[in-house]
N, C-alpha and C. Protein backbone atom coordinates (compact mmCIF):
# COMPACT_ATOMS: atom_id res chain seq x y z
N MET A 1 46.62 -10.29 -32.95
CA MET A 1 45.35 -9.99 -33.57
C MET A 1 44.66 -11.27 -34.04
N PHE A 2 45.43 -12.16 -34.71
CA PHE A 2 44.84 -13.40 -35.20
C PHE A 2 44.38 -14.30 -34.05
N GLU A 3 45.09 -14.22 -32.91
CA GLU A 3 44.69 -15.03 -31.75
C GLU A 3 43.32 -14.59 -31.24
N ASN A 4 43.07 -13.27 -31.21
CA ASN A 4 41.76 -12.78 -30.78
C ASN A 4 40.67 -13.19 -31.76
N LEU A 5 40.98 -13.12 -33.04
CA LEU A 5 40.01 -13.57 -34.05
C LEU A 5 39.73 -15.06 -33.89
N LYS A 6 40.78 -15.82 -33.66
CA LYS A 6 40.63 -17.27 -33.48
C LYS A 6 39.77 -17.56 -32.24
N LYS A 7 40.05 -16.85 -31.14
CA LYS A 7 39.31 -17.07 -29.91
C LYS A 7 37.82 -16.78 -30.11
N ARG A 8 37.50 -15.66 -30.78
CA ARG A 8 36.09 -15.32 -31.05
C ARG A 8 35.44 -16.33 -31.98
N ALA A 9 36.18 -16.77 -33.00
CA ALA A 9 35.63 -17.73 -33.95
C ALA A 9 35.36 -19.08 -33.27
N LEU A 10 36.27 -19.52 -32.40
CA LEU A 10 36.05 -20.76 -31.65
C LEU A 10 34.79 -20.66 -30.81
N GLN A 11 34.62 -19.54 -30.12
CA GLN A 11 33.44 -19.33 -29.29
C GLN A 11 32.17 -19.32 -30.14
N LYS A 12 32.23 -18.67 -31.29
CA LYS A 12 31.07 -18.58 -32.18
C LYS A 12 30.66 -19.96 -32.70
N HIS A 13 31.64 -20.76 -33.12
CA HIS A 13 31.37 -22.12 -33.60
C HIS A 13 30.78 -22.99 -32.48
N THR A 14 31.34 -22.85 -31.27
CA THR A 14 30.85 -23.63 -30.13
C THR A 14 29.40 -23.29 -29.84
N GLU A 15 29.07 -22.00 -29.80
CA GLU A 15 27.69 -21.57 -29.54
C GLU A 15 26.74 -22.10 -30.61
N LYS A 16 27.15 -22.02 -31.86
CA LYS A 16 26.31 -22.51 -32.96
C LYS A 16 26.07 -24.02 -32.84
N ASN A 17 27.13 -24.77 -32.51
CA ASN A 17 27.00 -26.22 -32.36
C ASN A 17 26.08 -26.60 -31.20
N ILE A 18 26.14 -25.84 -30.11
CA ILE A 18 25.27 -26.11 -28.96
C ILE A 18 23.81 -25.93 -29.37
N LYS A 19 23.52 -24.88 -30.11
CA LYS A 19 22.14 -24.61 -30.53
C LYS A 19 21.62 -25.67 -31.50
N ASN A 20 22.50 -26.22 -32.34
CA ASN A 20 22.08 -27.15 -33.39
C ASN A 20 22.22 -28.62 -33.00
N ARG A 21 22.49 -28.90 -31.75
CA ARG A 21 22.73 -30.29 -31.33
C ARG A 21 21.46 -31.14 -31.41
N ASP A 22 21.60 -32.33 -31.96
CA ASP A 22 20.51 -33.29 -32.06
C ASP A 22 20.56 -34.20 -30.84
N THR A 23 19.53 -34.14 -29.99
CA THR A 23 19.50 -34.96 -28.78
C THR A 23 18.48 -36.09 -28.88
N SER A 24 18.05 -36.41 -30.07
CA SER A 24 17.00 -37.43 -30.25
C SER A 24 17.45 -38.84 -29.85
N GLN A 25 18.75 -39.13 -29.90
CA GLN A 25 19.26 -40.46 -29.58
C GLN A 25 19.94 -40.52 -28.21
N ILE A 26 19.66 -39.57 -27.35
CA ILE A 26 20.36 -39.45 -26.07
C ILE A 26 20.20 -40.68 -25.16
N ASN A 27 19.10 -41.40 -25.30
CA ASN A 27 18.83 -42.54 -24.41
C ASN A 27 19.24 -43.89 -24.98
N SER A 28 20.00 -43.90 -26.05
CA SER A 28 20.39 -45.18 -26.65
C SER A 28 21.40 -45.92 -25.77
N LYS A 29 21.46 -47.24 -25.94
CA LYS A 29 22.39 -48.08 -25.19
C LYS A 29 23.83 -47.77 -25.61
N MET A 30 24.78 -47.98 -24.69
CA MET A 30 26.18 -47.71 -24.97
C MET A 30 26.84 -48.92 -25.63
N LYS A 31 27.27 -48.72 -26.88
CA LYS A 31 28.04 -49.73 -27.60
C LYS A 31 29.42 -49.19 -27.98
N THR A 32 29.55 -47.85 -27.99
CA THR A 32 30.82 -47.20 -28.29
C THR A 32 31.08 -46.10 -27.26
N LEU A 33 32.35 -45.88 -26.98
CA LEU A 33 32.75 -44.90 -25.98
C LEU A 33 33.96 -44.12 -26.52
N GLY A 34 33.89 -42.81 -26.43
CA GLY A 34 34.99 -41.96 -26.88
C GLY A 34 35.47 -41.05 -25.76
N PHE A 35 36.75 -40.71 -25.81
CA PHE A 35 37.35 -39.79 -24.83
C PHE A 35 38.04 -38.66 -25.56
N LEU A 36 37.78 -37.43 -25.15
CA LEU A 36 38.55 -36.26 -25.58
C LEU A 36 39.36 -35.84 -24.37
N VAL A 37 40.69 -35.88 -24.49
CA VAL A 37 41.57 -35.76 -23.33
C VAL A 37 42.53 -34.59 -23.51
N ASP A 38 42.74 -33.83 -22.43
CA ASP A 38 43.78 -32.81 -22.39
C ASP A 38 45.06 -33.50 -21.93
N GLU A 39 46.06 -33.57 -22.80
CA GLU A 39 47.30 -34.29 -22.48
C GLU A 39 48.09 -33.63 -21.35
N MET A 40 47.80 -32.39 -21.04
CA MET A 40 48.47 -31.74 -19.91
C MET A 40 48.02 -32.38 -18.59
N LEU A 41 46.81 -32.93 -18.56
CA LEU A 41 46.27 -33.54 -17.34
C LEU A 41 46.43 -35.04 -17.29
N PHE A 42 46.41 -35.68 -18.44
CA PHE A 42 46.32 -37.14 -18.47
C PHE A 42 47.06 -37.69 -19.68
N GLN A 43 47.98 -38.63 -19.44
CA GLN A 43 48.73 -39.22 -20.54
C GLN A 43 48.60 -40.74 -20.63
N ASP A 44 48.09 -41.38 -19.62
CA ASP A 44 48.05 -42.84 -19.58
C ASP A 44 46.77 -43.35 -20.27
N PHE A 45 46.80 -43.40 -21.59
CA PHE A 45 45.61 -43.75 -22.37
C PHE A 45 45.22 -45.22 -22.23
N GLU A 46 46.15 -46.07 -21.79
CA GLU A 46 45.82 -47.49 -21.59
C GLU A 46 44.73 -47.64 -20.53
N LYS A 47 44.77 -46.79 -19.51
CA LYS A 47 43.74 -46.84 -18.47
C LYS A 47 42.36 -46.53 -19.05
N LEU A 48 42.32 -45.68 -20.05
CA LEU A 48 41.05 -45.34 -20.68
C LEU A 48 40.53 -46.51 -21.53
N HIS A 49 41.46 -47.24 -22.14
CA HIS A 49 41.05 -48.40 -22.93
C HIS A 49 40.52 -49.51 -22.04
N ASP A 50 40.89 -49.48 -20.75
CA ASP A 50 40.36 -50.47 -19.80
C ASP A 50 38.86 -50.31 -19.56
N PHE A 51 38.30 -49.17 -19.94
CA PHE A 51 36.87 -48.95 -19.81
C PHE A 51 36.08 -49.97 -20.63
N SER A 52 36.71 -50.56 -21.64
CA SER A 52 36.01 -51.58 -22.43
C SER A 52 35.63 -52.77 -21.55
N LYS A 53 36.54 -53.15 -20.64
CA LYS A 53 36.23 -54.26 -19.73
C LYS A 53 35.15 -53.87 -18.72
N ILE A 54 35.23 -52.67 -18.21
CA ILE A 54 34.29 -52.19 -17.20
C ILE A 54 32.85 -52.19 -17.73
N PHE A 55 32.70 -51.78 -18.99
CA PHE A 55 31.36 -51.65 -19.56
C PHE A 55 30.99 -52.79 -20.51
N GLY A 56 31.85 -53.80 -20.61
CA GLY A 56 31.55 -54.94 -21.46
C GLY A 56 31.57 -54.60 -22.94
N LEU A 57 32.45 -53.70 -23.33
CA LEU A 57 32.59 -53.31 -24.73
C LEU A 57 33.79 -54.02 -25.36
N GLN A 58 33.81 -54.06 -26.68
CA GLN A 58 34.98 -54.56 -27.38
C GLN A 58 36.06 -53.47 -27.31
N PRO A 59 37.34 -53.85 -27.20
CA PRO A 59 38.41 -52.83 -27.15
C PRO A 59 38.38 -51.88 -28.35
N LYS A 60 37.96 -52.38 -29.50
CA LYS A 60 37.91 -51.52 -30.70
C LYS A 60 36.82 -50.45 -30.59
N ASP A 61 35.90 -50.60 -29.64
CA ASP A 61 34.79 -49.65 -29.49
C ASP A 61 35.09 -48.53 -28.51
N VAL A 62 36.32 -48.48 -27.98
CA VAL A 62 36.74 -47.39 -27.11
C VAL A 62 37.85 -46.63 -27.83
N LYS A 63 37.60 -45.36 -28.10
CA LYS A 63 38.55 -44.51 -28.84
C LYS A 63 38.97 -43.33 -27.98
N VAL A 64 40.23 -42.95 -28.10
CA VAL A 64 40.78 -41.82 -27.35
C VAL A 64 41.38 -40.83 -28.34
N PHE A 65 41.04 -39.55 -28.16
CA PHE A 65 41.63 -38.48 -28.96
C PHE A 65 42.11 -37.42 -28.00
N SER A 66 43.32 -36.92 -28.21
CA SER A 66 43.91 -36.00 -27.23
C SER A 66 44.21 -34.63 -27.83
N PHE A 67 44.28 -33.64 -26.94
CA PHE A 67 44.65 -32.28 -27.31
C PHE A 67 45.93 -31.91 -26.59
N MET A 68 46.87 -31.37 -27.34
CA MET A 68 48.14 -30.89 -26.78
C MET A 68 48.24 -29.42 -27.16
N GLU A 69 48.39 -28.55 -26.17
CA GLU A 69 48.39 -27.11 -26.42
C GLU A 69 49.43 -26.72 -27.48
N VAL A 70 50.64 -27.22 -27.33
CA VAL A 70 51.70 -26.91 -28.27
C VAL A 70 52.26 -28.21 -28.82
N LYS A 71 52.42 -28.28 -30.11
CA LYS A 71 52.92 -29.50 -30.74
C LYS A 71 54.37 -29.74 -30.31
N LYS A 72 54.67 -30.99 -29.99
CA LYS A 72 56.02 -31.36 -29.59
C LYS A 72 56.96 -31.28 -30.79
N LYS A 73 58.19 -30.92 -30.52
CA LYS A 73 59.19 -30.85 -31.58
C LYS A 73 59.60 -32.25 -32.05
N LEU A 74 59.53 -33.20 -31.12
CA LEU A 74 59.91 -34.57 -31.47
C LEU A 74 58.82 -35.23 -32.30
N PRO A 75 59.19 -36.01 -33.30
CA PRO A 75 58.17 -36.71 -34.08
C PRO A 75 57.44 -37.73 -33.20
N THR A 76 56.16 -37.90 -33.48
CA THR A 76 55.36 -38.84 -32.71
C THR A 76 54.56 -39.73 -33.65
N LEU A 77 54.32 -40.95 -33.23
CA LEU A 77 53.52 -41.87 -34.02
C LEU A 77 52.04 -41.73 -33.69
N GLN A 78 51.73 -40.94 -32.68
CA GLN A 78 50.34 -40.79 -32.27
C GLN A 78 49.56 -39.97 -33.30
N GLN A 79 48.55 -40.60 -33.89
CA GLN A 79 47.75 -39.92 -34.90
C GLN A 79 46.51 -39.28 -34.30
N ASN A 80 46.04 -39.80 -33.19
CA ASN A 80 44.83 -39.28 -32.57
C ASN A 80 45.15 -38.12 -31.64
N GLN A 81 45.72 -37.08 -32.21
CA GLN A 81 46.13 -35.92 -31.43
C GLN A 81 45.90 -34.65 -32.24
N ILE A 82 45.49 -33.61 -31.57
CA ILE A 82 45.29 -32.31 -32.20
C ILE A 82 45.95 -31.26 -31.30
N ASN A 83 46.37 -30.16 -31.90
CA ASN A 83 46.92 -29.08 -31.09
C ASN A 83 46.35 -27.75 -31.58
N ASN A 84 46.69 -26.66 -30.90
CA ASN A 84 46.10 -25.37 -31.21
C ASN A 84 46.45 -24.88 -32.62
N LYS A 85 47.50 -25.39 -33.22
CA LYS A 85 47.87 -24.99 -34.58
C LYS A 85 46.99 -25.66 -35.64
N ASP A 86 46.20 -26.67 -35.22
CA ASP A 86 45.30 -27.36 -36.14
C ASP A 86 43.97 -26.64 -36.30
N PHE A 87 43.85 -25.45 -35.72
CA PHE A 87 42.66 -24.62 -35.88
C PHE A 87 43.09 -23.36 -36.62
N ASN A 88 42.39 -23.00 -37.69
CA ASN A 88 42.75 -21.77 -38.38
C ASN A 88 42.15 -20.56 -37.67
N TRP A 89 42.42 -19.37 -38.15
CA TRP A 89 41.96 -18.17 -37.49
C TRP A 89 40.44 -18.02 -37.54
N LYS A 90 39.78 -18.79 -38.40
CA LYS A 90 38.31 -18.78 -38.46
C LYS A 90 37.70 -19.79 -37.48
N GLY A 91 38.55 -20.50 -36.73
CA GLY A 91 38.07 -21.47 -35.76
C GLY A 91 37.72 -22.80 -36.37
N GLU A 92 38.17 -23.06 -37.59
CA GLU A 92 37.87 -24.32 -38.28
C GLU A 92 38.97 -25.33 -38.02
N ILE A 93 38.58 -26.59 -37.88
CA ILE A 93 39.53 -27.67 -37.61
C ILE A 93 40.22 -28.08 -38.91
N GLN A 94 41.54 -28.13 -38.87
CA GLN A 94 42.33 -28.46 -40.05
C GLN A 94 42.97 -29.83 -39.94
N ASN A 95 42.57 -30.63 -38.99
CA ASN A 95 43.16 -31.94 -38.74
C ASN A 95 42.16 -33.02 -39.17
N GLN A 96 42.50 -33.80 -40.19
CA GLN A 96 41.59 -34.80 -40.75
C GLN A 96 41.26 -35.90 -39.75
N ASN A 97 42.24 -36.33 -38.96
CA ASN A 97 41.97 -37.36 -37.94
C ASN A 97 40.96 -36.87 -36.91
N ALA A 98 41.06 -35.60 -36.53
CA ALA A 98 40.10 -35.04 -35.58
C ALA A 98 38.71 -34.99 -36.19
N LYS A 99 38.62 -34.60 -37.44
CA LYS A 99 37.31 -34.55 -38.11
C LYS A 99 36.67 -35.94 -38.15
N GLU A 100 37.48 -36.97 -38.45
CA GLU A 100 36.95 -38.33 -38.49
C GLU A 100 36.49 -38.78 -37.10
N PHE A 101 37.25 -38.44 -36.07
CA PHE A 101 36.86 -38.79 -34.69
C PHE A 101 35.53 -38.12 -34.33
N LEU A 102 35.39 -36.85 -34.67
CA LEU A 102 34.18 -36.11 -34.31
C LEU A 102 32.96 -36.57 -35.10
N GLU A 103 33.17 -37.13 -36.27
CA GLU A 103 32.07 -37.64 -37.08
C GLU A 103 31.56 -38.99 -36.60
N ARG A 104 32.37 -39.70 -35.81
CA ARG A 104 31.93 -41.00 -35.27
C ARG A 104 30.73 -40.80 -34.38
N ASP A 105 29.80 -41.69 -34.49
CA ASP A 105 28.54 -41.59 -33.77
C ASP A 105 28.66 -42.32 -32.43
N PHE A 106 29.50 -41.81 -31.52
CA PHE A 106 29.69 -42.44 -30.22
C PHE A 106 28.38 -42.44 -29.43
N ASP A 107 28.16 -43.51 -28.70
CA ASP A 107 27.00 -43.54 -27.81
C ASP A 107 27.27 -42.68 -26.58
N VAL A 108 28.53 -42.70 -26.10
CA VAL A 108 28.94 -41.87 -24.96
C VAL A 108 30.29 -41.25 -25.27
N LEU A 109 30.41 -39.95 -25.01
CA LEU A 109 31.68 -39.23 -25.17
C LEU A 109 32.02 -38.60 -23.83
N VAL A 110 33.27 -38.79 -23.38
CA VAL A 110 33.73 -38.21 -22.12
C VAL A 110 34.76 -37.13 -22.43
N GLY A 111 34.52 -35.93 -21.93
CA GLY A 111 35.48 -34.83 -22.05
C GLY A 111 36.36 -34.83 -20.82
N LEU A 112 37.58 -35.32 -20.95
CA LEU A 112 38.50 -35.47 -19.82
C LEU A 112 39.44 -34.26 -19.76
N TYR A 113 38.90 -33.16 -19.23
CA TYR A 113 39.68 -31.94 -19.05
C TYR A 113 39.01 -31.07 -18.00
N ASP A 114 39.77 -30.12 -17.45
CA ASP A 114 39.27 -29.26 -16.38
C ASP A 114 38.60 -28.01 -16.93
N GLY A 115 37.48 -27.65 -16.33
CA GLY A 115 36.83 -26.37 -16.58
C GLY A 115 36.50 -26.10 -18.03
N LYS A 116 36.56 -24.81 -18.36
CA LYS A 116 36.28 -24.39 -19.73
C LYS A 116 37.61 -24.33 -20.50
N HIS A 117 37.60 -24.87 -21.69
CA HIS A 117 38.80 -24.95 -22.53
C HIS A 117 38.33 -24.70 -23.96
N ARG A 118 38.68 -23.56 -24.52
CA ARG A 118 38.06 -23.17 -25.80
C ARG A 118 38.26 -24.18 -26.91
N PHE A 119 39.41 -24.83 -26.99
CA PHE A 119 39.64 -25.80 -28.07
C PHE A 119 38.86 -27.11 -27.82
N LEU A 120 38.98 -27.63 -26.61
CA LEU A 120 38.27 -28.88 -26.28
C LEU A 120 36.76 -28.67 -26.23
N ASP A 121 36.32 -27.51 -25.78
CA ASP A 121 34.88 -27.22 -25.80
C ASP A 121 34.35 -27.26 -27.23
N LEU A 122 35.11 -26.70 -28.16
CA LEU A 122 34.70 -26.75 -29.57
C LEU A 122 34.64 -28.19 -30.07
N LEU A 123 35.65 -28.98 -29.71
CA LEU A 123 35.66 -30.38 -30.15
C LEU A 123 34.45 -31.14 -29.59
N VAL A 124 34.13 -30.93 -28.33
CA VAL A 124 32.97 -31.60 -27.73
C VAL A 124 31.69 -31.15 -28.44
N SER A 125 31.58 -29.86 -28.69
CA SER A 125 30.36 -29.36 -29.34
C SER A 125 30.24 -29.86 -30.78
N GLU A 126 31.37 -30.09 -31.45
CA GLU A 126 31.36 -30.59 -32.83
C GLU A 126 31.04 -32.09 -32.91
N SER A 127 31.27 -32.80 -31.83
CA SER A 127 31.10 -34.25 -31.82
C SER A 127 29.66 -34.65 -32.07
N LYS A 128 29.50 -35.74 -32.81
CA LYS A 128 28.18 -36.30 -33.11
C LYS A 128 27.73 -37.29 -32.03
N ALA A 129 28.43 -37.32 -30.91
CA ALA A 129 28.11 -38.25 -29.81
C ALA A 129 26.68 -38.03 -29.33
N LYS A 130 26.05 -39.12 -28.94
CA LYS A 130 24.66 -39.07 -28.49
C LYS A 130 24.53 -38.59 -27.05
N PHE A 131 25.47 -38.98 -26.19
CA PHE A 131 25.43 -38.65 -24.77
C PHE A 131 26.83 -38.19 -24.37
N LYS A 132 26.93 -37.03 -23.73
CA LYS A 132 28.23 -36.45 -23.41
C LYS A 132 28.37 -36.28 -21.90
N VAL A 133 29.55 -36.68 -21.40
CA VAL A 133 29.84 -36.64 -19.96
C VAL A 133 31.06 -35.76 -19.74
N GLY A 134 30.96 -34.86 -18.75
CA GLY A 134 32.07 -33.98 -18.43
C GLY A 134 32.32 -33.92 -16.93
N PHE A 135 33.24 -33.05 -16.54
CA PHE A 135 33.60 -32.88 -15.14
C PHE A 135 32.98 -31.61 -14.58
N LYS A 136 33.00 -31.47 -13.28
CA LYS A 136 32.22 -30.49 -12.54
C LYS A 136 32.30 -29.03 -13.00
N ASP A 137 33.42 -28.54 -13.44
CA ASP A 137 33.53 -27.13 -13.78
C ASP A 137 33.37 -26.85 -15.28
N ALA A 138 32.94 -27.84 -16.03
CA ALA A 138 32.77 -27.69 -17.48
C ALA A 138 31.50 -26.89 -17.79
N ASP A 139 31.40 -26.43 -19.02
CA ASP A 139 30.22 -25.72 -19.50
C ASP A 139 29.04 -26.69 -19.54
N PRO A 140 28.03 -26.50 -18.72
CA PRO A 140 26.92 -27.47 -18.64
C PRO A 140 26.10 -27.56 -19.93
N ARG A 141 26.19 -26.58 -20.80
CA ARG A 141 25.45 -26.63 -22.06
C ARG A 141 26.03 -27.67 -23.01
N LEU A 142 27.29 -28.04 -22.81
CA LEU A 142 27.95 -29.00 -23.70
C LEU A 142 27.64 -30.44 -23.33
N TYR A 143 27.31 -30.68 -22.07
CA TYR A 143 27.23 -32.04 -21.56
C TYR A 143 25.82 -32.41 -21.08
N ASP A 144 25.54 -33.69 -21.12
CA ASP A 144 24.29 -34.22 -20.61
C ASP A 144 24.44 -34.64 -19.15
N LEU A 145 25.67 -34.91 -18.73
CA LEU A 145 25.96 -35.34 -17.37
C LEU A 145 27.30 -34.74 -16.94
N LEU A 146 27.30 -34.07 -15.79
CA LEU A 146 28.54 -33.56 -15.20
C LEU A 146 28.78 -34.32 -13.90
N ILE A 147 29.98 -34.87 -13.77
CA ILE A 147 30.33 -35.64 -12.58
C ILE A 147 31.28 -34.79 -11.73
N ALA A 148 30.92 -34.63 -10.46
CA ALA A 148 31.64 -33.73 -9.55
C ALA A 148 32.81 -34.43 -8.87
N VAL A 149 33.80 -34.81 -9.66
CA VAL A 149 35.05 -35.34 -9.12
C VAL A 149 36.21 -34.65 -9.83
N SER A 150 37.37 -34.77 -9.28
CA SER A 150 38.56 -34.19 -9.89
C SER A 150 39.00 -35.03 -11.10
N THR A 151 39.54 -34.38 -12.11
CA THR A 151 40.03 -35.11 -13.28
C THR A 151 41.22 -35.99 -12.93
N ASN A 152 41.88 -35.71 -11.80
CA ASN A 152 43.03 -36.51 -11.37
C ASN A 152 42.61 -37.80 -10.69
N ASP A 153 41.34 -37.90 -10.28
CA ASP A 153 40.86 -39.04 -9.52
C ASP A 153 40.10 -40.00 -10.45
N LEU A 154 40.84 -40.72 -11.29
CA LEU A 154 40.24 -41.62 -12.27
C LEU A 154 39.46 -42.77 -11.64
N PRO A 155 39.93 -43.40 -10.54
CA PRO A 155 39.14 -44.49 -9.95
C PRO A 155 37.75 -44.04 -9.48
N THR A 156 37.67 -42.87 -8.84
CA THR A 156 36.38 -42.36 -8.39
C THR A 156 35.51 -42.01 -9.59
N PHE A 157 36.11 -41.37 -10.61
CA PHE A 157 35.36 -41.04 -11.82
C PHE A 157 34.81 -42.31 -12.48
N THR A 158 35.63 -43.34 -12.55
CA THR A 158 35.21 -44.60 -13.16
C THR A 158 34.01 -45.18 -12.42
N ALA A 159 34.08 -45.19 -11.09
CA ALA A 159 32.97 -45.72 -10.28
C ALA A 159 31.70 -44.89 -10.48
N GLU A 160 31.85 -43.57 -10.50
CA GLU A 160 30.69 -42.69 -10.68
C GLU A 160 30.09 -42.84 -12.09
N LEU A 161 30.95 -42.92 -13.08
CA LEU A 161 30.46 -43.09 -14.45
C LEU A 161 29.71 -44.41 -14.58
N LYS A 162 30.27 -45.46 -14.03
CA LYS A 162 29.60 -46.77 -14.07
C LYS A 162 28.24 -46.71 -13.39
N LYS A 163 28.20 -46.04 -12.24
CA LYS A 163 26.94 -45.91 -11.50
C LYS A 163 25.88 -45.19 -12.33
N TYR A 164 26.25 -44.05 -12.93
CA TYR A 164 25.27 -43.26 -13.68
C TYR A 164 24.89 -43.91 -15.00
N ILE A 165 25.83 -44.53 -15.65
CA ILE A 165 25.54 -45.24 -16.91
C ILE A 165 24.56 -46.38 -16.64
N THR A 166 24.75 -47.06 -15.51
CA THR A 166 23.84 -48.14 -15.14
C THR A 166 22.46 -47.60 -14.77
N LEU A 167 22.42 -46.52 -13.97
CA LEU A 167 21.15 -45.90 -13.58
C LEU A 167 20.36 -45.40 -14.80
N LEU A 168 21.08 -44.89 -15.78
CA LEU A 168 20.44 -44.36 -16.98
C LEU A 168 20.11 -45.47 -17.98
N ASN A 169 20.39 -46.72 -17.58
CA ASN A 169 20.07 -47.89 -18.40
C ASN A 169 20.75 -47.85 -19.78
N LYS A 170 22.02 -47.48 -19.77
CA LYS A 170 22.78 -47.40 -21.02
C LYS A 170 23.60 -48.66 -21.27
N VAL A 171 23.71 -49.55 -20.27
CA VAL A 171 24.45 -50.81 -20.47
C VAL A 171 23.51 -52.00 -20.41
């Protein structure tokens, strides 16, 4: 019963965030880059930090936050991680690190996950990022740019992102 309530609450929060999104700064130059990643698809976060070199950013200006469906039993030093237990039945985020990440005013945020994902969709919708990039099967209302490549094909995604960021005059 609580899972159904949680699912509806997540959807309700996501819809509200989509309607209230501020797009006034969408065309600003890229100085910061954030990634919201599904750990089931991607674990090599060092490759994401390499985006700082590609776009001429400082390494400190590229941040990665990940979602893990079920929390691991083993202790982890990774602080930039959230799981489904960090959302209460009202769909509210109970993880302070996630709240801080979402409050950062990223110039570009990349949602690195497949299709629709109720937890990650909520995180993307909550983010204060100015420009949001997703993959082909994502909810188009959440993103300003959808790139039609597989989430497993990081080199192609990197090339496409660089191409579009340059075309949009963000670098």
